[in-house]
N, C-alpha and C. Protein backbone atom coordinates (compact mmCIF):
# COMPACT_ATOMS: atom_id res chain seq x y z
N MET A 1 -12.53 17.99 -21.47
CA MET A 1 -13.18 16.89 -20.55
C MET A 1 -12.28 15.56 -20.98
N PHE A 2 -12.16 14.84 -20.23
CA PHE A 2 -11.73 13.38 -20.75
C PHE A 2 -12.61 12.40 -21.27
N SER A 3 -12.39 12.04 -22.39
CA SER A 3 -12.90 10.66 -22.87
C SER A 3 -12.96 9.39 -22.11
N ALA A 4 -14.09 8.62 -22.02
CA ALA A 4 -14.00 7.41 -21.36
C ALA A 4 -12.88 6.67 -21.52
N ASN A 5 -12.06 6.43 -22.37
CA ASN A 5 -10.65 5.47 -22.88
C ASN A 5 -9.75 6.41 -21.96
N GLU A 6 -9.33 7.66 -21.90
CA GLU A 6 -8.57 8.45 -21.08
C GLU A 6 -8.98 8.11 -19.92
N SER A 7 -9.89 8.68 -19.06
CA SER A 7 -10.12 8.26 -17.91
C SER A 7 -9.89 6.92 -17.72
N GLU A 8 -10.15 5.95 -18.27
CA GLU A 8 -9.94 4.62 -17.84
C GLU A 8 -8.68 4.31 -18.01
N GLN A 9 -7.62 4.60 -18.92
CA GLN A 9 -6.16 4.77 -18.81
C GLN A 9 -5.77 5.25 -17.71
N ALA A 10 -6.24 6.62 -17.21
CA ALA A 10 -5.62 7.28 -15.98
C ALA A 10 -5.72 6.30 -14.73
N MET A 11 -7.06 5.63 -14.95
CA MET A 11 -7.04 4.84 -13.70
C MET A 11 -6.31 3.80 -13.30
N THR A 12 -6.18 3.04 -14.60
CA THR A 12 -5.09 1.79 -14.77
C THR A 12 -3.57 2.37 -14.53
N GLU A 13 -3.31 3.66 -14.83
CA GLU A 13 -2.05 4.02 -14.49
C GLU A 13 -1.91 4.31 -12.70
N THR A 14 -3.10 4.62 -12.36
CA THR A 14 -3.28 4.77 -10.80
C THR A 14 -2.81 3.63 -10.07
N ALA A 15 -3.65 2.61 -10.71
CA ALA A 15 -3.77 1.17 -9.85
C ALA A 15 -2.27 0.44 -10.23
N ASP A 16 -1.90 0.83 -11.12
CA ASP A 16 -0.17 0.26 -11.62
C ASP A 16 0.58 0.58 -10.70
N LYS A 17 0.55 2.16 -10.53
CA LYS A 17 1.47 3.08 -9.51
C LYS A 17 1.45 2.38 -8.09
N ALA A 18 -0.01 2.12 -7.74
CA ALA A 18 -0.31 1.61 -6.57
C ALA A 18 0.37 0.29 -6.09
N LEU A 19 0.14 -0.29 -7.01
CA LEU A 19 0.56 -2.02 -7.08
C LEU A 19 2.09 -2.04 -7.16
N LEU A 20 2.73 -1.01 -7.78
CA LEU A 20 4.22 -1.22 -8.01
C LEU A 20 4.74 -0.47 -6.49
N ASP A 21 4.16 0.26 -5.66
CA ASP A 21 4.41 0.81 -4.27
C ASP A 21 4.06 0.21 -3.31
N ALA A 22 3.28 -0.84 -3.79
CA ALA A 22 2.99 -1.82 -2.50
C ALA A 22 4.17 -2.91 -2.93
N LEU A 23 4.22 -3.27 -3.92
CA LEU A 23 5.62 -4.18 -4.42
C LEU A 23 6.75 -3.86 -3.77
N ASP A 24 7.03 -2.33 -3.79
CA ASP A 24 8.27 -1.78 -3.30
C ASP A 24 8.31 -2.12 -1.77
N LEU A 25 7.01 -1.66 -1.18
CA LEU A 25 6.96 -1.65 0.32
C LEU A 25 7.08 -3.21 0.81
N VAL A 26 6.72 -4.04 0.37
CA VAL A 26 7.10 -5.56 0.54
C VAL A 26 8.46 -5.78 0.19
N ASP A 27 9.14 -5.73 -0.66
CA ASP A 27 10.43 -5.82 -0.97
C ASP A 27 11.13 -5.26 0.18
N SER A 28 11.13 -3.94 0.41
CA SER A 28 11.97 -3.00 1.25
C SER A 28 11.82 -3.84 2.79
N GLY A 29 10.70 -4.31 3.15
CA GLY A 29 10.38 -4.40 4.59
C GLY A 29 10.87 -5.93 4.26
N LEU A 30 10.84 -7.05 3.52
CA LEU A 30 11.46 -8.25 3.47
C LEU A 30 13.06 -8.11 3.80
N SER A 31 13.40 -7.07 2.99
CA SER A 31 15.08 -6.83 3.04
C SER A 31 15.67 -6.55 4.38
N ASP A 32 14.72 -5.90 5.17
CA ASP A 32 15.07 -5.41 6.32
C ASP A 32 14.88 -6.45 7.39
N LEU A 33 13.90 -7.25 7.13
CA LEU A 33 13.66 -8.22 8.08
C LEU A 33 14.21 -9.28 7.96
N GLN A 34 15.01 -9.58 7.24
CA GLN A 34 15.41 -10.98 6.78
C GLN A 34 16.71 -11.10 7.38
N SER A 35 17.48 -10.23 7.57
CA SER A 35 18.72 -10.46 8.42
C SER A 35 18.67 -10.61 9.89
N ARG A 36 17.57 -10.07 10.34
CA ARG A 36 17.15 -10.39 11.66
C ARG A 36 16.71 -11.54 12.25
N ASN A 37 16.93 -11.92 13.74
CA ASN A 37 16.35 -13.13 14.32
C ASN A 37 14.97 -12.65 14.85
N LEU A 38 14.71 -11.50 15.32
CA LEU A 38 13.70 -10.70 16.10
C LEU A 38 13.11 -9.80 15.40
N VAL A 39 11.59 -9.85 15.28
CA VAL A 39 11.26 -8.58 15.19
C VAL A 39 10.20 -8.18 15.93
N ALA A 40 9.92 -7.15 15.85
CA ALA A 40 8.39 -6.49 17.15
C ALA A 40 7.46 -6.70 15.98
N ALA A 41 6.43 -6.81 16.69
CA ALA A 41 5.44 -6.76 16.15
C ALA A 41 4.67 -5.70 15.79
N SER A 42 4.78 -4.84 16.47
CA SER A 42 4.67 -3.52 15.89
C SER A 42 5.19 -3.00 14.83
N GLU A 43 6.44 -3.60 14.34
CA GLU A 43 7.09 -3.21 13.15
C GLU A 43 6.21 -4.08 11.87
N VAL A 44 5.96 -5.02 12.22
CA VAL A 44 5.13 -5.96 11.22
C VAL A 44 3.89 -5.39 10.73
N ALA A 45 3.21 -5.07 12.33
CA ALA A 45 1.96 -4.29 11.85
C ALA A 45 1.85 -2.90 11.16
N ASP A 46 2.87 -2.09 11.47
CA ASP A 46 3.22 -0.78 10.90
C ASP A 46 3.17 -0.98 8.98
N MET A 47 3.95 -2.30 8.99
CA MET A 47 4.41 -2.69 7.57
C MET A 47 3.17 -3.01 6.78
N LEU A 48 2.32 -3.92 7.30
CA LEU A 48 1.17 -4.63 7.00
C LEU A 48 0.00 -3.28 6.83
N LEU A 49 -0.06 -2.53 8.00
CA LEU A 49 -1.20 -1.38 7.45
C LEU A 49 -0.21 -0.21 6.28
N ASP A 50 0.47 -0.21 6.40
CA ASP A 50 0.89 0.67 5.17
C ASP A 50 0.91 0.13 3.99
N LEU A 51 1.02 -1.21 3.52
CA LEU A 51 0.36 -1.96 2.31
C LEU A 51 -0.79 -2.08 2.08
N ARG A 52 -1.59 -2.01 3.32
CA ARG A 52 -3.19 -2.34 3.47
C ARG A 52 -3.38 -0.75 2.74
N LEU A 53 -2.74 0.58 3.04
CA LEU A 53 -3.36 1.67 2.60
C LEU A 53 -3.05 1.67 1.02
N LEU A 54 -2.18 1.06 1.08
CA LEU A 54 -1.50 1.19 -0.79
C LEU A 54 -2.52 0.48 -1.50
N LEU A 55 -2.88 -0.45 -1.03
CA LEU A 55 -3.76 -1.56 -1.60
C LEU A 55 -5.01 -1.05 -1.92
N LEU A 56 -5.32 -0.35 -0.76
CA LEU A 56 -6.98 0.47 -0.93
C LEU A 56 -6.96 1.49 -2.06
N GLN A 57 -6.05 1.97 -2.77
CA GLN A 57 -6.07 2.77 -3.82
C GLN A 57 -6.11 2.14 -5.10
N LEU A 58 -5.99 0.97 -5.11
CA LEU A 58 -6.16 0.21 -5.88
C LEU A 58 -7.79 0.51 -6.58
N ASP A 59 -9.06 0.16 -5.27
CA ASP A 59 -10.11 0.47 -5.80
C ASP A 59 -10.60 1.63 -5.35
N GLY A 60 -9.86 2.46 -5.27
CA GLY A 60 -10.39 3.90 -4.82
C GLY A 60 -11.15 4.31 -3.73
N THR A 61 -11.18 2.92 -2.89
CA THR A 61 -11.66 2.95 -1.53
C THR A 61 -10.77 4.17 -0.52
N GLN A 62 -11.25 4.97 -0.05
CA GLN A 62 -11.06 5.93 1.12
C GLN A 62 -10.17 5.02 2.14
N PRO A 63 -9.26 5.32 2.78
CA PRO A 63 -9.02 4.37 4.26
C PRO A 63 -9.42 5.19 5.13
N PRO A 64 -9.97 4.06 5.97
CA PRO A 64 -10.77 4.51 7.23
C PRO A 64 -10.07 5.14 7.98
N GLU A 65 -10.78 6.22 9.07
CA GLU A 65 -10.08 7.12 9.96
C GLU A 65 -9.43 5.79 10.95
N PRO A 66 -8.05 6.48 11.34
CA PRO A 66 -7.41 5.81 12.29
C PRO A 66 -7.84 5.58 13.50
N VAL A 67 -7.86 4.76 14.45
CA VAL A 67 -8.23 4.40 15.59
C VAL A 67 -7.42 4.59 16.75
N LEU A 68 -7.64 5.74 17.40
CA LEU A 68 -6.30 5.49 18.63
C LEU A 68 -6.82 4.79 19.84
N ALA A 69 -5.37 4.34 20.33
CA ALA A 69 -6.21 3.52 21.31
C ALA A 69 -5.96 4.60 22.70
N PRO A 70 -6.88 4.33 23.64
CA PRO A 70 -6.93 4.99 24.71
C PRO A 70 -5.58 4.99 25.70
């Protein structure tokens, strides 16, 4: 069984990893978009949704179910 300190440390490590993953996604997206004159809105939306899902991991919130357009 985990002690409170070990559990807290594991949560901190998970949050740190999620934050680093989010920063990597932003850096990658910015480098891809920086050299382009025109960017599709769908590409920006995809990157923002990916970022949102990574950041939701920071507070342990489950991501919402996707809503598909008809």
